[in-house]
Amino acid sequence: KVFRNASRFVVLDEFYPYLTTSAGMATSMHKRLLRHQSTTDLKATYESFRIKHANYFARLDLIHIRNVIRHNTSAALCAEEKGWCWWYNRDNLHSYFTDNLHLSADGLELLRDSYTNVLKDVIKQL
């Protein structure tokens, strides 16, 4: 009851694709650049992400609660090149992740428009 009374809307951020490295994405990227190694493999297909988390998305599809808004974070993170999710900004070589899961300033910037749209939708419904 407290949860329901305190919030008119709940925004549910869905899983987003991420890379797992032993040192974390930013550190791995830094080491590769220092060694003049390629970074072109620091990406994954959007399809492999959806397959890996198919059960999670199937469970989310079963939630039909009027005031729960699903936020598709992967759409913004995988929008640069159709079908691919890049782990870094290819223009300035900044990592989108500080470690393996937490977004850097560049990663958060990718989600700015997405969150703005979610907030606009919520405000319209108030």
C-alpha atoms as a PDB file:
ATOM      1  CA  LYS A   1       0.000   0.000   0.000  1.00  0.00           C
ATOM      2  CA  VAL A   2       2.764   2.451   0.860  1.00  0.00           C
ATOM      3  CA  PHE A   3       4.407   1.853  -2.502  1.00  0.00           C
ATOM      4  CA  ARG A   4       1.147   2.345  -4.353  1.00  0.00           C
ATOM      5  CA  ASN A   5       0.233   5.478  -2.406  1.00  0.00           C
ATOM      6  CA  ALA A   6       3.665   7.061  -2.768  1.00  0.00           C
ATOM      7  CA  SER A   7       4.017   6.658  -6.536  1.00  0.00           C
ATOM      8  CA  ARG A   8       1.547   7.337  -9.297  1.00  0.00           C
ATOM      9  CA  PHE A   9       3.937   5.901 -11.880  1.00  0.00           C
ATOM     10  CA  VAL A  10       6.828   3.492 -11.698  1.00  0.00           C
ATOM     11  CA  VAL A  11       9.445   3.538 -14.444  1.00  0.00           C
ATOM     12  CA  LEU A  12      11.008   0.125 -14.923  1.00  0.00           C
ATOM     13  CA  ASP A  13      14.403   0.317 -16.621  1.00  0.00           C
ATOM     14  CA  GLU A  14      14.833  -2.857 -18.623  1.00  0.00           C
ATOM     15  CA  PHE A  15      18.142  -4.691 -18.839  1.00  0.00           C
ATOM     16  CA  TYR A  16      20.610  -3.281 -21.309  1.00  0.00           C
ATOM     17  CA  PRO A  17      23.455  -5.035 -23.107  1.00  0.00           C
ATOM     18  CA  TYR A  18      26.858  -4.919 -21.459  1.00  0.00           C
ATOM     19  CA  LEU A  19      30.268  -6.450 -21.916  1.00  0.00           C
ATOM     20  CA  THR A  20      31.969  -8.518 -19.255  1.00  0.00           C
ATOM     21  CA  THR A  21      35.717  -8.153 -18.998  1.00  0.00           C
ATOM     22  CA  SER A  22      38.018  -9.078 -16.158  1.00  0.00           C
ATOM     23  CA  ALA A  23      39.137  -5.478 -15.591  1.00  0.00           C
ATOM     24  CA  GLY A  24      35.994  -3.584 -16.563  1.00  0.00           C
ATOM     25  CA  MET A  25      35.214  -1.918 -19.847  1.00  0.00           C
ATOM     26  CA  ALA A  26      36.936   1.442 -19.318  1.00  0.00           C
ATOM     27  CA  THR A  27      40.153  -0.163 -18.061  1.00  0.00           C
ATOM     28  CA  SER A  28      40.160  -2.749 -20.863  1.00  0.00           C
ATOM     29  CA  MET A  29      39.629  -0.029 -23.438  1.00  0.00           C
ATOM     30  CA  HIS A  30      42.428   2.072 -21.945  1.00  0.00           C
ATOM     31  CA  LYS A  31      44.869  -0.866 -22.017  1.00  0.00           C
ATOM     32  CA  ARG A  32      44.029  -1.687 -25.621  1.00  0.00           C
ATOM     33  CA  LEU A  33      44.554   1.894 -26.727  1.00  0.00           C
ATOM     34  CA  LEU A  34      47.911   2.075 -24.938  1.00  0.00           C
ATOM     35  CA  ARG A  35      49.015  -1.089 -26.756  1.00  0.00           C
ATOM     36  CA  HIS A  36      47.623   0.122 -30.106  1.00  0.00           C
ATOM     37  CA  GLN A  37      45.299  -2.887 -30.194  1.00  0.00           C
ATOM     38  CA  SER A  38      42.039  -2.947 -32.117  1.00  0.00           C
ATOM     39  CA  THR A  39      38.796  -2.065 -30.360  1.00  0.00           C
ATOM     40  CA  THR A  40      36.479  -3.053 -33.205  1.00  0.00           C
ATOM     41  CA  ASP A  41      35.408  -6.248 -31.425  1.00  0.00           C
ATOM     42  CA  LEU A  42      34.050  -4.314 -28.419  1.00  0.00           C
ATOM     43  CA  LYS A  43      30.463  -4.757 -29.505  1.00  0.00           C
ATOM     44  CA  ALA A  44      27.750  -7.402 -29.520  1.00  0.00           C
ATOM     45  CA  THR A  45      24.698  -8.090 -31.606  1.00  0.00           C
ATOM     46  CA  TYR A  46      21.372  -6.863 -30.316  1.00  0.00           C
ATOM     47  CA  GLU A  47      19.913 -10.249 -31.228  1.00  0.00           C
ATOM     48  CA  SER A  48      22.373 -12.123 -28.975  1.00  0.00           C
ATOM     49  CA  PHE A  49      21.365  -9.844 -26.092  1.00  0.00           C
ATOM     50  CA  ARG A  50      17.643 -10.506 -26.678  1.00  0.00           C
ATOM     51  CA  ILE A  51      18.258 -14.267 -26.890  1.00  0.00           C
ATOM     52  CA  LYS A  52      20.378 -14.305 -23.735  1.00  0.00           C
ATOM     53  CA  HIS A  53      17.666 -12.500 -21.762  1.00  0.00           C
ATOM     54  CA  ALA A  54      14.601 -13.963 -23.515  1.00  0.00           C
ATOM     55  CA  ASN A  55      13.114 -15.313 -20.276  1.00  0.00           C
ATOM     56  CA  TYR A  56      13.499 -11.929 -18.573  1.00  0.00           C
ATOM     57  CA  PHE A  57      11.690 -10.119 -21.390  1.00  0.00           C
ATOM     58  CA  ALA A  58       8.995 -12.813 -21.515  1.00  0.00           C
ATOM     59  CA  ARG A  59       8.294 -12.252 -17.808  1.00  0.00           C
ATOM     60  CA  LEU A  60       8.166  -8.488 -18.333  1.00  0.00           C
ATOM     61  CA  ASP A  61       5.649  -8.989 -21.127  1.00  0.00           C
ATOM     62  CA  LEU A  62       3.330 -10.594 -18.565  1.00  0.00           C
ATOM     63  CA  ILE A  63       3.214  -7.421 -16.466  1.00  0.00           C
ATOM     64  CA  HIS A  64       0.111  -5.434 -17.294  1.00  0.00           C
ATOM     65  CA  ILE A  65      -0.059  -2.744 -14.638  1.00  0.00           C
ATOM     66  CA  ARG A  66      -1.365   0.613 -15.792  1.00  0.00           C
ATOM     67  CA  ASN A  67       1.089   2.775 -13.842  1.00  0.00           C
ATOM     68  CA  VAL A  68       4.224   0.742 -14.657  1.00  0.00           C
ATOM     69  CA  ILE A  69       6.122   2.233 -17.574  1.00  0.00           C
ATOM     70  CA  ARG A  70       8.729   0.018 -19.216  1.00  0.00           C
ATOM     71  CA  HIS A  71      11.816   1.905 -20.322  1.00  0.00           C
ATOM     72  CA  ASN A  72      13.663   0.173 -23.152  1.00  0.00           C
ATOM     73  CA  THR A  73      17.214   1.264 -22.318  1.00  0.00           C
ATOM     74  CA  SER A  74      18.777  -1.071 -24.869  1.00  0.00           C
ATOM     75  CA  ALA A  75      17.156   0.827 -27.749  1.00  0.00           C
ATOM     76  CA  ALA A  76      19.253   3.907 -27.009  1.00  0.00           C
ATOM     77  CA  LEU A  77      22.428   1.964 -26.293  1.00  0.00           C
ATOM     78  CA  CYS A  78      22.140  -0.002 -29.530  1.00  0.00           C
ATOM     79  CA  ALA A  79      20.989   2.776 -31.854  1.00  0.00           C
ATOM     80  CA  GLU A  80      24.296   3.814 -33.441  1.00  0.00           C
ATOM     81  CA  GLU A  81      24.475   0.934 -35.902  1.00  0.00           C
ATOM     82  CA  LYS A  82      21.465  -1.243 -36.652  1.00  0.00           C
ATOM     83  CA  GLY A  83      21.782  -4.648 -35.014  1.00  0.00           C
ATOM     84  CA  TRP A  84      24.913  -3.805 -33.005  1.00  0.00           C
ATOM     85  CA  CYS A  85      25.528  -2.613 -29.464  1.00  0.00           C
ATOM     86  CA  TRP A  86      28.854  -0.809 -29.160  1.00  0.00           C
ATOM     87  CA  TRP A  87      30.626  -0.542 -25.792  1.00  0.00           C
ATOM     88  CA  TYR A  88      32.336   2.749 -26.596  1.00  0.00           C
ATOM     89  CA  ASN A  89      31.912   5.965 -28.567  1.00  0.00           C
ATOM     90  CA  ARG A  90      33.714   5.387 -31.848  1.00  0.00           C
ATOM     91  CA  ASP A  91      34.189   9.126 -32.455  1.00  0.00           C
ATOM     92  CA  ASN A  92      36.038  10.024 -29.245  1.00  0.00           C
ATOM     93  CA  LEU A  93      36.967   6.485 -28.019  1.00  0.00           C
ATOM     94  CA  HIS A  94      35.280   7.016 -24.629  1.00  0.00           C
ATOM     95  CA  SER A  95      33.877   3.903 -22.976  1.00  0.00           C
ATOM     96  CA  TYR A  96      30.118   3.800 -22.362  1.00  0.00           C
ATOM     97  CA  PHE A  97      30.769   1.865 -19.138  1.00  0.00           C
ATOM     98  CA  THR A  98      32.978   2.611 -16.144  1.00  0.00           C
ATOM     99  CA  ASP A  99      33.154  -1.071 -15.213  1.00  0.00           C
ATOM    100  CA  ASN A 100      31.088  -3.856 -16.739  1.00  0.00           C
ATOM    101  CA  LEU A 101      27.634  -2.569 -15.761  1.00  0.00           C
ATOM    102  CA  HIS A 102      27.693   1.069 -14.702  1.00  0.00           C
ATOM    103  CA  LEU A 103      27.356   3.686 -17.391  1.00  0.00           C
ATOM    104  CA  SER A 104      29.933   6.424 -17.830  1.00  0.00           C
ATOM    105  CA  ALA A 105      29.003  10.032 -18.671  1.00  0.00           C
ATOM    106  CA  ASP A 106      29.084   9.087 -22.369  1.00  0.00           C
ATOM    107  CA  GLY A 107      26.848   6.083 -21.728  1.00  0.00           C
ATOM    108  CA  LEU A 108      24.378   8.174 -19.751  1.00  0.00           C
ATOM    109  CA  GLU A 109      24.338  10.748 -22.544  1.00  0.00           C
ATOM    110  CA  LEU A 110      23.041   8.050 -24.901  1.00  0.00           C
ATOM    111  CA  LEU A 111      20.018   7.651 -22.615  1.00  0.00           C
ATOM    112  CA  ARG A 112      19.252  11.372 -22.185  1.00  0.00           C
ATOM    113  CA  ASP A 113      16.639  11.570 -24.959  1.00  0.00           C
ATOM    114  CA  SER A 114      15.111   8.270 -23.922  1.00  0.00           C
ATOM    115  CA  TYR A 115      14.631   9.402 -20.309  1.00  0.00           C
ATOM    116  CA  THR A 116      13.349  12.781 -21.499  1.00  0.00           C
ATOM    117  CA  ASN A 117      10.671  11.011 -23.542  1.00  0.00           C
ATOM    118  CA  VAL A 118       9.684   8.820 -20.587  1.00  0.00           C
ATOM    119  CA  LEU A 119       9.321  11.890 -18.368  1.00  0.00           C
ATOM    120  CA  LYS A 120       7.246  13.702 -21.002  1.00  0.00           C
ATOM    121  CA  ASP A 121       4.919  10.697 -21.223  1.00  0.00           C
ATOM    122  CA  VAL A 122       4.532  10.580 -17.439  1.00  0.00           C
ATOM    123  CA  ILE A 123       3.849  14.320 -17.216  1.00  0.00           C
ATOM    124  CA  LYS A 124       1.119  14.027 -19.877  1.00  0.00           C
ATOM    125  CA  GLN A 125      -0.596  11.372 -17.787  1.00  0.00           C
ATOM    126  CA  LEU A 126      -0.573  13.353 -14.538  1.00  0.00           C
END
